[in-house]
Amino acid sequence: MWLMPADMVRDPLSERVIQAGSRWAGIASFVVALGAVLLWLLG
């Protein structure tokens, strides 16, 4: 819960789950892209 802004507390649970999921998907895709670039540079 500490990763979310305070105004998200008033949103419905489904909206919070969707927003948290999209945030983690964005972080994961960034990490994957960064790893791919590093592999490309090293390879």
Protein backbone atom coordinates (compact mmCIF):
# COMPACT_ATOMS: atom_id res chain seq x y z
CA MET A 1 0.00 0.00 0.00
CA TRP A 2 2.93 2.33 0.56
CA LEU A 3 3.65 2.46 -3.19
CA MET A 4 0.24 3.96 -3.92
CA PRO A 5 -0.77 7.63 -3.64
CA ALA A 6 -3.16 8.50 -0.83
CA ASP A 7 -6.04 9.37 -3.17
CA MET A 8 -6.13 5.79 -4.46
CA VAL A 9 -7.41 4.62 -1.07
CA ARG A 10 -10.86 5.95 -1.91
CA ASP A 11 -11.02 4.08 -5.25
CA PRO A 12 -12.85 0.75 -5.52
CA LEU A 13 -10.73 -2.32 -4.91
CA SER A 14 -10.90 -3.47 -8.53
CA GLU A 15 -9.60 -0.10 -9.74
CA ARG A 16 -6.70 -0.28 -7.28
CA VAL A 17 -5.86 -3.82 -8.41
CA ILE A 18 -5.90 -2.80 -12.08
CA GLN A 19 -3.70 0.23 -11.46
CA ALA A 20 -1.24 -1.71 -9.30
CA GLY A 21 -1.08 -4.48 -11.90
CA SER A 22 -0.40 -2.05 -14.72
CA ARG A 23 2.28 -0.35 -12.63
CA TRP A 24 4.05 -3.65 -11.92
CA ALA A 25 3.69 -4.67 -15.59
CA GLY A 26 5.37 -1.42 -16.60
CA ILE A 27 8.21 -1.96 -14.14
CA ALA A 28 8.67 -5.54 -15.33
CA SER A 29 8.73 -4.55 -18.99
CA PHE A 30 11.30 -1.85 -18.22
CA VAL A 31 13.53 -4.38 -16.45
CA VAL A 32 13.18 -6.84 -19.34
CA ALA A 33 14.02 -4.16 -21.89
CA LEU A 34 17.02 -3.04 -19.86
CA GLY A 35 18.25 -6.62 -19.62
CA ALA A 36 17.83 -7.12 -23.37
CA VAL A 37 19.85 -3.98 -24.10
CA LEU A 38 22.61 -5.11 -21.72
CA LEU A 39 22.71 -8.56 -23.33
CA TRP A 40 22.88 -6.93 -26.75
CA LEU A 41 25.75 -4.67 -25.66
CA LEU A 42 27.67 -7.53 -24.06
CA GLY A 43 27.00 -10.01 -26.85
